[in-house]
Every structure is written in C-alpha cells, then in structure tokens.
Amino acid sequence: MITITTRPFTDKEIKRQTKQLPSVYKRVEGFVMKFIFIVLVLDIPLLVYDHFSPVASQTQAAYCIVMVVVALLLTFWITKRWEGGLSINKYISNINSEQAEVIHVTTTRAIKREDAEDFGVAYYIDVLDKGVPKTLFLWGQYLDELEYDKRFPNTEFEIIRKKGSDEFIDFKTLGQYFKEEKTLPPFDKPVWDSGTFPVNGQILDQTIDQIK
C-alpha cells in the first residue's frame, strides 16, 4: 500500500535542507562569475568601436570605470532579484513556507534492476494506490548503502520530499528486510538514448508482474 500526505517540515528536515544550501564561497563565486560575464558583454561595444575608430586612452579609462560600476549594479540587481542577494535568508524563508510530502509504503514484493552507469541500483516496489495495483520505482545511490546493510528492500518505509519535487529529503526504513524476487539487467542503450526510463519516486501504472 502507498499513501501520500502533506505536512509542515520538522526542525530536523529544515536543518537538513539548510545544510545543502550554497556555501558562502559558492555564493561569492557565483556573484563574481556573473560580474565577469556582464563586464565582458559591456566591453564588446567598446572593442568593436575601437577597432574601426580608435578611442583615446582617457576616454577608454572613463568608459571602463562606468562599465565596472554598471556591471556591479547589474550583478547586485540580478543576484537580489533572482537569488535573494548574497545571504541565504530567501532560501530559508522558502523552506519554512513549503510543505513536506510524506510517502508511506508497505509491501512484500520487489524487483531489482542492476546499475550500469554508476547511478545506483533501482527497485520496482509492488504497491496498492487507492486499491489499484501499481509499481513504485526507486533509483539512486542511496539504495546501494541500504542494500549493502540489508535494510532494503523493506516491508515498510517512508519517503520525505518537498511537495512538487522529485528530490528526496529523507528515506526511512521502518519494517523488515526481504529479498527481491529477481534481478533485471541494466537499461539497454536504446532506453538510455531515448530517455524512456522512469525517474526516482515515480509511480508506474503497471503491476509488478508486468515489469520486464
């Protein structure tokens, strides 16, 4: 069985997400890279004009000063407008205002798919979604450790993720380990090339007996 509910994030879940936010170094690095890009864009007209009609060095110096000031202002505006500035307050505010999606699963059947590209193993989990037999697809390196410790597949587990997002915030095993029914080979090249494989956390409109 699979049930999906929503609730506010716990303090622990908020703290876990906060730790994943960009560091001060990354934020400053991003600011500098945007500044350099804007300077290069603003410098192109001067270089083109100077190529056809040489500009006096004093004029070039004045233009460069204006260009740097404008580039700084634009960089600050872009960073403030789209990223909330150099601080992480906007990110934290967004986390506090969002909802957690809790996916609770109980099952007794699973099929494993081998990993070929170092993305981690995958599992197809038999579930009942509102009384309808379906399959939950899980895929990622987080399963490798759980599999190694014989904690997955599991008769009961819980997934925490941000509502509307595929990214998991937490994954808890709550029941007993059991062995998968069979192991399938990795996705073949045509599947990789076409991108027709499921994504982590996707509920498939197939029964587990239809998985090949």
N, C-alpha and C. Protein backbone atom coordinates (compact mmCIF):
# COMPACT_ATOMS: atom_id res chain seq x y z
N MET A 1 0.85 -1.20 0.00
CA MET A 1 0.00 0.00 0.00
C MET A 1 0.88 1.25 0.00
N ILE A 2 0.41 2.27 -0.65
CA ILE A 2 1.13 3.54 -0.67
C ILE A 2 0.15 4.66 -0.33
N THR A 3 0.54 5.50 0.61
CA THR A 3 -0.27 6.67 0.98
C THR A 3 0.61 7.91 0.92
N ILE A 4 0.03 9.00 0.44
CA ILE A 4 0.77 10.25 0.30
C ILE A 4 0.04 11.34 1.07
N THR A 5 0.72 11.95 2.03
CA THR A 5 0.15 13.04 2.82
C THR A 5 1.12 14.22 2.82
N THR A 6 0.63 15.37 3.24
CA THR A 6 1.49 16.56 3.35
C THR A 6 1.42 17.11 4.76
N ARG A 7 2.49 17.77 5.15
CA ARG A 7 2.60 18.39 6.48
C ARG A 7 3.72 19.40 6.44
N PRO A 8 3.84 20.27 7.46
CA PRO A 8 4.99 21.18 7.53
C PRO A 8 6.28 20.38 7.77
N PHE A 9 7.39 20.94 7.38
CA PHE A 9 8.68 20.30 7.66
C PHE A 9 8.98 20.35 9.15
N THR A 10 9.62 19.30 9.65
CA THR A 10 10.10 19.30 11.03
C THR A 10 11.38 20.13 11.10
N ASP A 11 11.79 20.48 12.32
CA ASP A 11 13.03 21.24 12.50
C ASP A 11 14.22 20.47 11.94
N LYS A 12 14.22 19.16 12.12
CA LYS A 12 15.32 18.33 11.63
C LYS A 12 15.38 18.37 10.11
N GLU A 13 14.24 18.32 9.46
CA GLU A 13 14.19 18.34 8.00
C GLU A 13 14.59 19.71 7.45
N ILE A 14 14.20 20.77 8.15
CA ILE A 14 14.61 22.12 7.75
C ILE A 14 16.12 22.26 7.88
N LYS A 15 16.67 21.75 8.97
CA LYS A 15 18.12 21.83 9.19
C LYS A 15 18.86 21.05 8.11
N ARG A 16 18.34 19.90 7.74
CA ARG A 16 18.99 19.08 6.71
C ARG A 16 19.01 19.82 5.37
N GLN A 17 17.91 20.48 5.03
CA GLN A 17 17.86 21.23 3.77
C GLN A 17 18.77 22.46 3.82
N THR A 18 18.84 23.09 4.99
CA THR A 18 19.68 24.28 5.14
C THR A 18 21.15 23.93 4.92
N LYS A 19 21.56 22.75 5.36
CA LYS A 19 22.94 22.32 5.19
C LYS A 19 23.31 22.13 3.72
N GLN A 20 22.30 21.91 2.88
CA GLN A 20 22.55 21.69 1.46
C GLN A 20 22.55 22.98 0.65
N LEU A 21 22.28 24.10 1.31
CA LEU A 21 22.28 25.38 0.60
C LEU A 21 23.69 25.77 0.19
N PRO A 22 23.83 26.61 -0.84
CA PRO A 22 25.16 27.02 -1.29
C PRO A 22 25.96 27.68 -0.17
N SER A 23 27.23 27.32 -0.08
CA SER A 23 28.11 27.91 0.93
C SER A 23 28.41 29.37 0.58
N VAL A 24 29.02 30.09 1.53
CA VAL A 24 29.41 31.48 1.28
C VAL A 24 30.34 31.55 0.08
N TYR A 25 31.29 30.61 0.02
CA TYR A 25 32.24 30.58 -1.09
C TYR A 25 31.52 30.43 -2.43
N LYS A 26 30.54 29.51 -2.48
CA LYS A 26 29.81 29.28 -3.73
C LYS A 26 28.99 30.50 -4.13
N ARG A 27 28.39 31.17 -3.14
CA ARG A 27 27.58 32.35 -3.45
C ARG A 27 28.46 33.48 -3.97
N VAL A 28 29.62 33.69 -3.33
CA VAL A 28 30.55 34.74 -3.79
C VAL A 28 31.10 34.38 -5.16
N GLU A 29 31.42 33.11 -5.35
CA GLU A 29 31.93 32.66 -6.64
C GLU A 29 30.90 32.92 -7.74
N GLY A 30 29.65 32.62 -7.47
CA GLY A 30 28.59 32.87 -8.44
C GLY A 30 28.45 34.35 -8.75
N PHE A 31 28.57 35.19 -7.72
CA PHE A 31 28.48 36.64 -7.91
C PHE A 31 29.61 37.13 -8.81
N VAL A 32 30.83 36.66 -8.54
CA VAL A 32 31.99 37.09 -9.33
C VAL A 32 31.86 36.64 -10.78
N MET A 33 31.39 35.42 -11.00
CA MET A 33 31.25 34.92 -12.36
C MET A 33 30.21 35.73 -13.14
N LYS A 34 29.12 36.09 -12.49
CA LYS A 34 28.11 36.93 -13.15
C LYS A 34 28.70 38.30 -13.48
N PHE A 35 29.46 38.86 -12.54
CA PHE A 35 30.08 40.17 -12.75
C PHE A 35 31.03 40.14 -13.95
N ILE A 36 31.87 39.11 -14.02
CA ILE A 36 32.82 39.00 -15.13
C ILE A 36 32.08 38.88 -16.46
N PHE A 37 31.02 38.09 -16.48
CA PHE A 37 30.25 37.91 -17.72
C PHE A 37 29.64 39.24 -18.17
N ILE A 38 29.07 39.99 -17.24
CA ILE A 38 28.46 41.28 -17.59
C ILE A 38 29.50 42.27 -18.08
N VAL A 39 30.68 42.28 -17.44
CA VAL A 39 31.77 43.16 -17.88
C VAL A 39 32.16 42.83 -19.32
N LEU A 40 32.29 41.55 -19.63
CA LEU A 40 32.66 41.14 -20.99
C LEU A 40 31.60 41.58 -22.00
N VAL A 41 30.34 41.44 -21.64
CA VAL A 41 29.26 41.85 -22.54
C VAL A 41 29.29 43.36 -22.77
N LEU A 42 29.48 44.12 -21.69
CA LEU A 42 29.52 45.58 -21.82
C LEU A 42 30.77 46.06 -22.55
N ASP A 43 31.82 45.25 -22.52
CA ASP A 43 33.09 45.66 -23.14
C ASP A 43 33.08 45.45 -24.65
N ILE A 44 32.20 44.60 -25.14
CA ILE A 44 32.18 44.29 -26.57
C ILE A 44 31.94 45.53 -27.43
N PRO A 45 30.96 46.40 -27.11
CA PRO A 45 30.76 47.59 -27.96
C PRO A 45 32.00 48.47 -28.07
N LEU A 46 32.73 48.65 -26.93
CA LEU A 46 33.94 49.47 -26.97
C LEU A 46 35.00 48.83 -27.85
N LEU A 47 35.18 47.52 -27.75
CA LEU A 47 36.19 46.84 -28.55
C LEU A 47 35.87 46.94 -30.04
N VAL A 48 34.60 46.79 -30.37
CA VAL A 48 34.19 46.88 -31.78
C VAL A 48 34.40 48.31 -32.30
N TYR A 49 33.97 49.29 -31.50
CA TYR A 49 34.10 50.69 -31.92
C TYR A 49 35.57 51.08 -32.04
N ASP A 50 36.37 50.63 -31.05
CA ASP A 50 37.80 50.97 -31.05
C ASP A 50 38.51 50.33 -32.23
N HIS A 51 38.01 49.20 -32.71
CA HIS A 51 38.63 48.52 -33.85
C HIS A 51 38.51 49.36 -35.12
N PHE A 52 37.36 49.98 -35.29
CA PHE A 52 37.13 50.76 -36.51
C PHE A 52 37.48 52.23 -36.34
N SER A 53 37.40 52.73 -35.11
CA SER A 53 37.72 54.13 -34.86
C SER A 53 38.39 54.23 -33.49
N PRO A 54 39.74 54.20 -33.46
CA PRO A 54 40.47 54.19 -32.19
C PRO A 54 39.99 55.27 -31.23
N VAL A 55 39.84 54.85 -29.97
CA VAL A 55 39.36 55.75 -28.92
C VAL A 55 40.53 56.17 -28.06
N ALA A 56 40.54 57.42 -27.64
CA ALA A 56 41.61 57.94 -26.79
C ALA A 56 41.66 57.17 -25.48
N SER A 57 42.88 57.05 -24.94
CA SER A 57 43.06 56.26 -23.71
C SER A 57 42.26 56.83 -22.55
N GLN A 58 42.16 58.16 -22.45
CA GLN A 58 41.39 58.78 -21.37
C GLN A 58 39.90 58.42 -21.48
N THR A 59 39.42 58.41 -22.71
CA THR A 59 38.01 58.04 -22.93
C THR A 59 37.79 56.57 -22.58
N GLN A 60 38.76 55.74 -22.95
CA GLN A 60 38.66 54.32 -22.62
C GLN A 60 38.63 54.11 -21.10
N ALA A 61 39.48 54.85 -20.39
CA ALA A 61 39.54 54.72 -18.93
C ALA A 61 38.21 55.13 -18.30
N ALA A 62 37.65 56.24 -18.79
CA ALA A 62 36.36 56.71 -18.25
C ALA A 62 35.26 55.68 -18.53
N TYR A 63 35.28 55.13 -19.75
CA TYR A 63 34.27 54.12 -20.10
C TYR A 63 34.41 52.89 -19.22
N CYS A 64 35.65 52.48 -18.95
CA CYS A 64 35.89 51.29 -18.12
C CYS A 64 35.36 51.49 -16.70
N ILE A 65 35.56 52.71 -16.16
CA ILE A 65 35.06 52.99 -14.80
C ILE A 65 33.53 52.89 -14.78
N VAL A 66 32.91 53.53 -15.78
CA VAL A 66 31.44 53.47 -15.86
C VAL A 66 30.97 52.03 -16.06
N MET A 67 31.71 51.29 -16.89
CA MET A 67 31.34 49.90 -17.18
C MET A 67 31.40 49.04 -15.92
N VAL A 68 32.43 49.22 -15.11
CA VAL A 68 32.57 48.45 -13.87
C VAL A 68 31.44 48.77 -12.90
N VAL A 69 31.13 50.07 -12.79
CA VAL A 69 30.04 50.48 -11.88
C VAL A 69 28.71 49.89 -12.34
N VAL A 70 28.44 50.00 -13.65
CA VAL A 70 27.19 49.45 -14.19
C VAL A 70 27.14 47.94 -14.01
N ALA A 71 28.27 47.27 -14.25
CA ALA A 71 28.32 45.81 -14.10
C ALA A 71 28.06 45.40 -12.66
N LEU A 72 28.63 46.15 -11.71
CA LEU A 72 28.39 45.84 -10.29
C LEU A 72 26.92 46.02 -9.93
N LEU A 73 26.33 47.12 -10.40
CA LEU A 73 24.92 47.38 -10.11
C LEU A 73 24.02 46.30 -10.71
N LEU A 74 24.32 45.91 -11.95
CA LEU A 74 23.53 44.87 -12.60
C LEU A 74 23.69 43.53 -11.90
N THR A 75 24.92 43.23 -11.48
CA THR A 75 25.16 41.96 -10.79
C THR A 75 24.42 41.91 -9.46
N PHE A 76 24.48 43.02 -8.71
CA PHE A 76 23.74 43.09 -7.45
C PHE A 76 22.24 42.94 -7.69
N TRP A 77 21.74 43.60 -8.75
CA TRP A 77 20.30 43.55 -9.03
C TRP A 77 19.86 42.13 -9.40
N ILE A 78 20.64 41.49 -10.28
CA ILE A 78 20.30 40.12 -10.70
C ILE A 78 20.35 39.16 -9.52
N THR A 79 21.40 39.30 -8.70
CA THR A 79 21.54 38.42 -7.53
C THR A 79 20.41 38.64 -6.54
N LYS A 80 20.04 39.90 -6.34
CA LYS A 80 18.95 40.22 -5.42
C LYS A 80 17.61 39.77 -5.98
N ARG A 81 17.42 39.99 -7.27
CA ARG A 81 16.12 39.68 -7.90
C ARG A 81 15.85 38.19 -7.97
N TRP A 82 16.85 37.43 -8.36
CA TRP A 82 16.63 36.01 -8.62
C TRP A 82 17.13 35.09 -7.51
N GLU A 83 18.04 35.56 -6.67
CA GLU A 83 18.62 34.67 -5.66
C GLU A 83 18.47 35.21 -4.24
N GLY A 84 17.83 36.37 -4.11
CA GLY A 84 17.64 36.93 -2.77
C GLY A 84 18.87 37.57 -2.19
N GLY A 85 19.84 37.92 -3.04
CA GLY A 85 21.07 38.53 -2.55
C GLY A 85 22.12 37.49 -2.19
N LEU A 86 23.17 37.94 -1.52
CA LEU A 86 24.26 37.04 -1.16
C LEU A 86 23.95 36.21 0.08
N SER A 87 22.92 36.57 0.81
CA SER A 87 22.55 35.80 2.01
C SER A 87 21.67 34.62 1.60
N ILE A 88 21.42 33.72 2.56
CA ILE A 88 20.57 32.56 2.29
C ILE A 88 19.18 32.74 2.91
N ASN A 89 18.87 33.95 3.33
CA ASN A 89 17.58 34.19 4.00
C ASN A 89 16.39 33.84 3.12
N LYS A 90 16.50 34.13 1.82
CA LYS A 90 15.39 33.82 0.91
C LYS A 90 15.19 32.32 0.81
N TYR A 91 16.31 31.57 0.73
CA TYR A 91 16.22 30.12 0.65
C TYR A 91 15.54 29.56 1.91
N ILE A 92 15.98 30.05 3.08
CA ILE A 92 15.43 29.57 4.34
C ILE A 92 13.95 29.92 4.45
N SER A 93 13.59 31.12 4.01
CA SER A 93 12.19 31.53 4.03
C SER A 93 11.34 30.62 3.16
N ASN A 94 11.87 30.24 1.99
CA ASN A 94 11.15 29.34 1.09
C ASN A 94 10.95 27.97 1.73
N ILE A 95 12.01 27.47 2.38
CA ILE A 95 11.92 26.17 3.04
C ILE A 95 10.85 26.18 4.12
N ASN A 96 10.84 27.26 4.92
CA ASN A 96 9.88 27.35 6.02
C ASN A 96 8.43 27.45 5.54
N SER A 97 8.25 27.97 4.34
CA SER A 97 6.89 28.17 3.83
C SER A 97 6.38 26.99 3.00
N GLU A 98 7.27 26.03 2.70
CA GLU A 98 6.87 24.91 1.85
C GLU A 98 6.37 23.73 2.68
N GLN A 99 5.75 22.79 2.00
CA GLN A 99 5.18 21.61 2.65
C GLN A 99 6.01 20.37 2.32
N ALA A 100 6.06 19.48 3.30
CA ALA A 100 6.70 18.18 3.09
C ALA A 100 5.67 17.19 2.57
N GLU A 101 6.08 16.39 1.61
CA GLU A 101 5.23 15.31 1.11
C GLU A 101 5.75 14.00 1.70
N VAL A 102 4.89 13.30 2.42
CA VAL A 102 5.28 12.06 3.09
C VAL A 102 4.66 10.89 2.34
N ILE A 103 5.52 10.02 1.82
CA ILE A 103 5.07 8.84 1.08
C ILE A 103 5.34 7.62 1.94
N HIS A 104 4.28 6.99 2.42
CA HIS A 104 4.41 5.82 3.29
C HIS A 104 4.06 4.57 2.49
N VAL A 105 4.96 3.59 2.54
CA VAL A 105 4.82 2.39 1.71
C VAL A 105 4.91 1.13 2.55
N THR A 106 3.99 0.20 2.33
CA THR A 106 4.10 -1.16 2.86
C THR A 106 4.03 -2.11 1.68
N THR A 107 4.89 -3.12 1.69
CA THR A 107 4.98 -4.02 0.54
C THR A 107 5.60 -5.35 0.94
N THR A 108 5.50 -6.32 0.06
CA THR A 108 6.14 -7.62 0.28
C THR A 108 6.85 -8.11 -0.97
N ARG A 109 6.80 -7.30 -2.04
CA ARG A 109 7.40 -7.73 -3.30
C ARG A 109 8.27 -6.62 -3.89
N ALA A 110 9.38 -7.04 -4.48
CA ALA A 110 10.29 -6.09 -5.12
C ALA A 110 11.09 -6.78 -6.21
N ILE A 111 11.43 -6.00 -7.23
CA ILE A 111 12.30 -6.46 -8.31
C ILE A 111 13.46 -5.47 -8.41
N LYS A 112 14.65 -6.01 -8.54
CA LYS A 112 15.85 -5.17 -8.62
C LYS A 112 16.29 -5.01 -10.07
N ARG A 113 16.84 -3.81 -10.38
CA ARG A 113 17.47 -3.61 -11.68
C ARG A 113 18.91 -3.18 -11.44
N GLU A 114 19.82 -3.87 -12.11
CA GLU A 114 21.24 -3.61 -11.91
C GLU A 114 21.63 -2.21 -12.40
N ASP A 115 22.74 -1.73 -11.84
CA ASP A 115 23.26 -0.40 -12.18
C ASP A 115 24.36 -0.55 -13.21
N ALA A 116 24.27 0.23 -14.28
CA ALA A 116 25.30 0.16 -15.33
C ALA A 116 26.11 1.43 -15.45
N GLU A 117 25.59 2.54 -14.98
CA GLU A 117 26.22 3.84 -15.20
C GLU A 117 26.62 4.53 -13.90
N ASP A 118 26.75 3.78 -12.81
CA ASP A 118 27.15 4.33 -11.52
C ASP A 118 26.13 5.33 -10.98
N PHE A 119 24.85 5.13 -11.33
CA PHE A 119 23.78 5.96 -10.79
C PHE A 119 23.14 5.31 -9.58
N GLY A 120 23.52 4.07 -9.29
CA GLY A 120 22.91 3.33 -8.19
C GLY A 120 21.94 2.29 -8.70
N VAL A 121 21.64 1.32 -7.84
CA VAL A 121 20.70 0.28 -8.22
C VAL A 121 19.29 0.85 -8.26
N ALA A 122 18.39 0.10 -8.87
CA ALA A 122 16.98 0.52 -8.93
C ALA A 122 16.11 -0.62 -8.43
N TYR A 123 14.95 -0.24 -7.90
CA TYR A 123 14.00 -1.24 -7.42
C TYR A 123 12.59 -0.88 -7.89
N TYR A 124 11.87 -1.90 -8.26
CA TYR A 124 10.44 -1.79 -8.55
C TYR A 124 9.71 -2.36 -7.34
N ILE A 125 8.86 -1.58 -6.73
CA ILE A 125 8.18 -1.97 -5.50
C ILE A 125 6.68 -2.14 -5.76
N ASP A 126 6.15 -3.28 -5.36
CA ASP A 126 4.73 -3.56 -5.52
C ASP A 126 3.93 -2.75 -4.50
N VAL A 127 2.96 -1.95 -4.99
CA VAL A 127 2.15 -1.13 -4.09
C VAL A 127 0.69 -1.15 -4.53
N LEU A 128 -0.18 -0.82 -3.60
CA LEU A 128 -1.59 -0.58 -3.89
C LEU A 128 -1.85 0.91 -3.72
N ASP A 129 -2.26 1.57 -4.79
CA ASP A 129 -2.55 3.00 -4.75
C ASP A 129 -4.06 3.19 -4.85
N LYS A 130 -4.68 3.48 -3.72
CA LYS A 130 -6.15 3.61 -3.64
C LYS A 130 -6.84 2.36 -4.17
N GLY A 131 -6.27 1.22 -3.79
CA GLY A 131 -6.85 -0.06 -4.16
C GLY A 131 -6.44 -0.59 -5.52
N VAL A 132 -5.67 0.19 -6.28
CA VAL A 132 -5.24 -0.21 -7.62
C VAL A 132 -3.79 -0.68 -7.58
N PRO A 133 -3.49 -1.90 -8.07
CA PRO A 133 -2.10 -2.38 -8.08
C PRO A 133 -1.23 -1.53 -9.01
N LYS A 134 -0.16 -1.00 -8.47
CA LYS A 134 0.79 -0.21 -9.25
C LYS A 134 2.21 -0.56 -8.81
N THR A 135 3.19 0.14 -9.37
CA THR A 135 4.59 -0.13 -9.04
C THR A 135 5.30 1.18 -8.75
N LEU A 136 5.97 1.24 -7.63
CA LEU A 136 6.79 2.40 -7.27
C LEU A 136 8.22 2.14 -7.72
N PHE A 137 8.78 3.08 -8.47
CA PHE A 137 10.15 2.94 -8.97
C PHE A 137 11.08 3.80 -8.13
N LEU A 138 12.11 3.16 -7.59
CA LEU A 138 13.12 3.86 -6.80
C LEU A 138 14.49 3.61 -7.42
N TRP A 139 15.30 4.66 -7.47
CA TRP A 139 16.58 4.55 -8.18
C TRP A 139 17.55 5.58 -7.62
N GLY A 140 18.73 5.13 -7.27
CA GLY A 140 19.74 6.08 -6.80
C GLY A 140 20.80 5.43 -5.93
N GLN A 141 21.89 6.14 -5.74
CA GLN A 141 22.99 5.61 -4.95
C GLN A 141 22.63 5.44 -3.48
N TYR A 142 21.61 6.16 -3.01
CA TYR A 142 21.19 6.00 -1.62
C TYR A 142 20.73 4.57 -1.34
N LEU A 143 20.27 3.87 -2.38
CA LEU A 143 19.83 2.49 -2.22
C LEU A 143 20.99 1.52 -2.09
N ASP A 144 22.16 1.88 -2.62
CA ASP A 144 23.32 0.99 -2.55
C ASP A 144 23.70 0.68 -1.11
N GLU A 145 23.76 1.73 -0.28
CA GLU A 145 24.12 1.54 1.12
C GLU A 145 23.05 0.76 1.87
N LEU A 146 21.79 1.08 1.60
CA LEU A 146 20.69 0.36 2.26
C LEU A 146 20.70 -1.11 1.87
N GLU A 147 20.98 -1.38 0.60
CA GLU A 147 21.04 -2.76 0.12
C GLU A 147 22.21 -3.50 0.78
N TYR A 148 23.36 -2.84 0.86
CA TYR A 148 24.55 -3.46 1.45
C TYR A 148 24.32 -3.80 2.92
N ASP A 149 23.62 -2.93 3.63
CA ASP A 149 23.33 -3.16 5.05
C ASP A 149 22.12 -4.07 5.27
N LYS A 150 21.57 -4.60 4.18
CA LYS A 150 20.38 -5.46 4.24
C LYS A 150 19.22 -4.76 4.95
N ARG A 151 18.99 -3.53 4.53
CA ARG A 151 17.86 -2.75 5.03
C ARG A 151 16.84 -2.47 3.93
N PHE A 152 17.20 -2.86 2.72
CA PHE A 152 16.29 -2.66 1.59
C PHE A 152 16.53 -3.73 0.54
N PRO A 153 15.46 -4.30 -0.05
CA PRO A 153 14.04 -3.98 0.09
C PRO A 153 13.53 -4.17 1.52
N ASN A 154 12.47 -3.43 1.85
CA ASN A 154 11.93 -3.42 3.20
C ASN A 154 10.41 -3.45 3.15
N THR A 155 9.82 -4.14 4.13
CA THR A 155 8.36 -4.29 4.14
C THR A 155 7.63 -2.98 4.42
N GLU A 156 8.35 -2.01 5.00
CA GLU A 156 7.73 -0.72 5.30
C GLU A 156 8.79 0.37 5.26
N PHE A 157 8.51 1.44 4.55
CA PHE A 157 9.46 2.55 4.51
C PHE A 157 8.71 3.85 4.23
N GLU A 158 9.42 4.95 4.44
CA GLU A 158 8.82 6.27 4.31
C GLU A 158 9.76 7.20 3.56
N ILE A 159 9.21 7.93 2.63
CA ILE A 159 9.98 8.89 1.84
C ILE A 159 9.49 10.29 2.18
N ILE A 160 10.43 11.19 2.46
CA ILE A 160 10.10 12.60 2.70
C ILE A 160 10.69 13.42 1.56
N ARG A 161 9.87 14.20 0.92
CA ARG A 161 10.37 15.08 -0.12
C ARG A 161 9.56 16.37 -0.13
N LYS A 162 10.12 17.37 -0.79
CA LYS A 162 9.42 18.64 -0.92
C LYS A 162 8.24 18.46 -1.87
N LYS A 163 7.09 18.99 -1.51
CA LYS A 163 5.91 18.84 -2.35
C LYS A 163 6.16 19.43 -3.73
N GLY A 164 5.90 18.64 -4.75
CA GLY A 164 6.11 19.09 -6.12
C GLY A 164 7.52 18.85 -6.63
N SER A 165 8.37 18.21 -5.81
CA SER A 165 9.76 17.95 -6.19
C SER A 165 10.02 16.45 -6.20
N ASP A 166 10.97 16.02 -7.05
CA ASP A 166 11.37 14.61 -7.09
C ASP A 166 12.53 14.32 -6.13
N GLU A 167 13.13 15.36 -5.58
CA GLU A 167 14.31 15.17 -4.73
C GLU A 167 13.91 14.74 -3.32
N PHE A 168 14.50 13.64 -2.86
CA PHE A 168 14.21 13.13 -1.53
C PHE A 168 14.98 13.92 -0.47
N ILE A 169 14.30 14.21 0.63
CA ILE A 169 14.94 14.85 1.77
C ILE A 169 15.34 13.81 2.80
N ASP A 170 14.52 12.77 2.93
CA ASP A 170 14.82 11.69 3.88
C ASP A 170 14.19 10.40 3.37
N PHE A 171 14.80 9.29 3.77
CA PHE A 171 14.31 7.96 3.41
C PHE A 171 14.49 7.07 4.62
N LYS A 172 13.39 6.58 5.17
CA LYS A 172 13.43 5.81 6.41
C LYS A 172 12.90 4.40 6.19
N THR A 173 13.68 3.40 6.59
CA THR A 173 13.19 2.02 6.58
C THR A 173 12.59 1.73 7.95
N LEU A 174 11.36 1.19 7.96
CA LEU A 174 10.61 1.02 9.20
C LEU A 174 10.24 -0.43 9.48
N GLY A 175 10.39 -1.30 8.47
CA GLY A 175 9.95 -2.68 8.63
C GLY A 175 11.10 -3.68 8.60
N GLN A 176 10.87 -4.80 7.92
CA GLN A 176 11.84 -5.88 7.85
C GLN A 176 12.41 -6.03 6.44
N TYR A 177 13.68 -6.37 6.41
CA TYR A 177 14.34 -6.62 5.12
C TYR A 177 13.79 -7.90 4.50
N PHE A 178 13.66 -7.88 3.16
CA PHE A 178 13.32 -9.11 2.44
C PHE A 178 14.07 -9.13 1.11
N LYS A 179 14.17 -10.30 0.53
CA LYS A 179 14.92 -10.47 -0.71
C LYS A 179 14.04 -10.18 -1.91
N GLU A 180 14.61 -9.49 -2.89
CA GLU A 180 13.87 -9.21 -4.12
C GLU A 180 13.59 -10.51 -4.88
N GLU A 181 12.54 -10.50 -5.67
CA GLU A 181 12.13 -11.71 -6.38
C GLU A 181 13.08 -12.08 -7.51
N LYS A 182 13.60 -11.07 -8.19
CA LYS A 182 14.54 -11.32 -9.28
C LYS A 182 15.32 -10.05 -9.57
N THR A 183 16.36 -10.20 -10.39
CA THR A 183 17.19 -9.06 -10.76
C THR A 183 17.19 -8.91 -12.27
N LEU A 184 16.86 -7.72 -12.73
CA LEU A 184 16.83 -7.42 -14.15
C LEU A 184 18.16 -6.80 -14.58
N PRO A 185 18.54 -6.93 -15.85
CA PRO A 185 19.76 -6.29 -16.33
C PRO A 185 19.59 -4.77 -16.36
N PRO A 186 20.69 -4.05 -16.50
CA PRO A 186 20.59 -2.58 -16.60
C PRO A 186 19.79 -2.17 -17.83
N PHE A 187 19.31 -0.94 -17.82
CA PHE A 187 18.65 -0.42 -19.02
C PHE A 187 19.60 -0.49 -20.20
N ASP A 188 19.10 -0.91 -21.37
CA ASP A 188 19.97 -1.03 -22.53
C ASP A 188 20.18 0.33 -23.19
N LYS A 189 21.05 0.35 -24.18
CA LYS A 189 21.44 1.61 -24.81
C LYS A 189 20.26 2.35 -25.46
N PRO A 190 19.36 1.65 -26.17
CA PRO A 190 18.22 2.38 -26.74
C PRO A 190 17.37 3.10 -25.70
N VAL A 191 17.22 2.49 -24.52
CA VAL A 191 16.46 3.13 -23.45
C VAL A 191 17.20 4.37 -22.95
N TRP A 192 18.53 4.24 -22.75
CA TRP A 192 19.33 5.39 -22.31
C TRP A 192 19.25 6.52 -23.33
N ASP A 193 19.42 6.16 -24.60
CA ASP A 193 19.45 7.18 -25.66
C ASP A 193 18.11 7.90 -25.80
N SER A 194 17.02 7.16 -25.61
CA SER A 194 15.69 7.75 -25.78
C SER A 194 15.20 8.44 -24.52
N GLY A 195 15.81 8.12 -23.37
CA GLY A 195 15.38 8.71 -22.10
C GLY A 195 14.03 8.21 -21.63
N THR A 196 13.64 7.01 -22.07
CA THR A 196 12.32 6.48 -21.73
C THR A 196 12.34 5.62 -20.47
N PHE A 197 13.17 5.98 -19.52
CA PHE A 197 13.21 5.24 -18.26
C PHE A 197 12.50 6.06 -17.18
N PRO A 198 11.97 5.40 -16.15
CA PRO A 198 11.28 6.13 -15.08
C PRO A 198 12.27 6.95 -14.26
N VAL A 199 11.72 7.87 -13.47
CA VAL A 199 12.55 8.67 -12.57
C VAL A 199 12.34 8.19 -11.14
N ASN A 200 13.29 8.50 -10.30
CA ASN A 200 13.22 8.09 -8.90
C ASN A 200 11.95 8.62 -8.23
N GLY A 201 11.20 7.70 -7.61
CA GLY A 201 9.99 8.09 -6.92
C GLY A 201 8.74 8.08 -7.77
N GLN A 202 8.87 7.67 -9.03
CA GLN A 202 7.71 7.67 -9.94
C GLN A 202 6.82 6.45 -9.68
N ILE A 203 5.51 6.68 -9.67
CA ILE A 203 4.54 5.59 -9.54
C ILE A 203 4.11 5.18 -10.94
N LEU A 204 4.38 3.93 -11.30
CA LEU A 204 4.09 3.43 -12.64
C LEU A 204 2.71 2.79 -12.68
N ASP A 205 1.99 3.03 -13.76
CA ASP A 205 0.67 2.43 -13.94
C ASP A 205 0.81 1.02 -14.50
N GLN A 206 1.63 0.23 -13.83
CA GLN A 206 1.85 -1.17 -14.18
C GLN A 206 1.88 -1.99 -12.90
N THR A 207 1.47 -3.24 -13.00
CA THR A 207 1.66 -4.12 -11.85
C THR A 207 3.10 -4.62 -11.88
N ILE A 208 3.56 -5.12 -10.76
CA ILE A 208 4.95 -5.58 -10.70
C ILE A 208 5.15 -6.80 -11.60
N ASP A 209 4.09 -7.55 -11.87
CA ASP A 209 4.21 -8.72 -12.75
C ASP A 209 4.38 -8.31 -14.21
N GLN A 210 4.11 -7.05 -14.53
CA GLN A 210 4.28 -6.57 -15.91
C GLN A 210 5.67 -6.00 -16.15
N ILE A 211 6.47 -5.89 -15.10
CA ILE A 211 7.81 -5.32 -15.24
C ILE A 211 8.73 -6.35 -15.88
N LYS A 212 9.43 -5.91 -16.93
CA LYS A 212 10.35 -6.81 -17.64
C LYS A 212 11.71 -6.15 -17.77
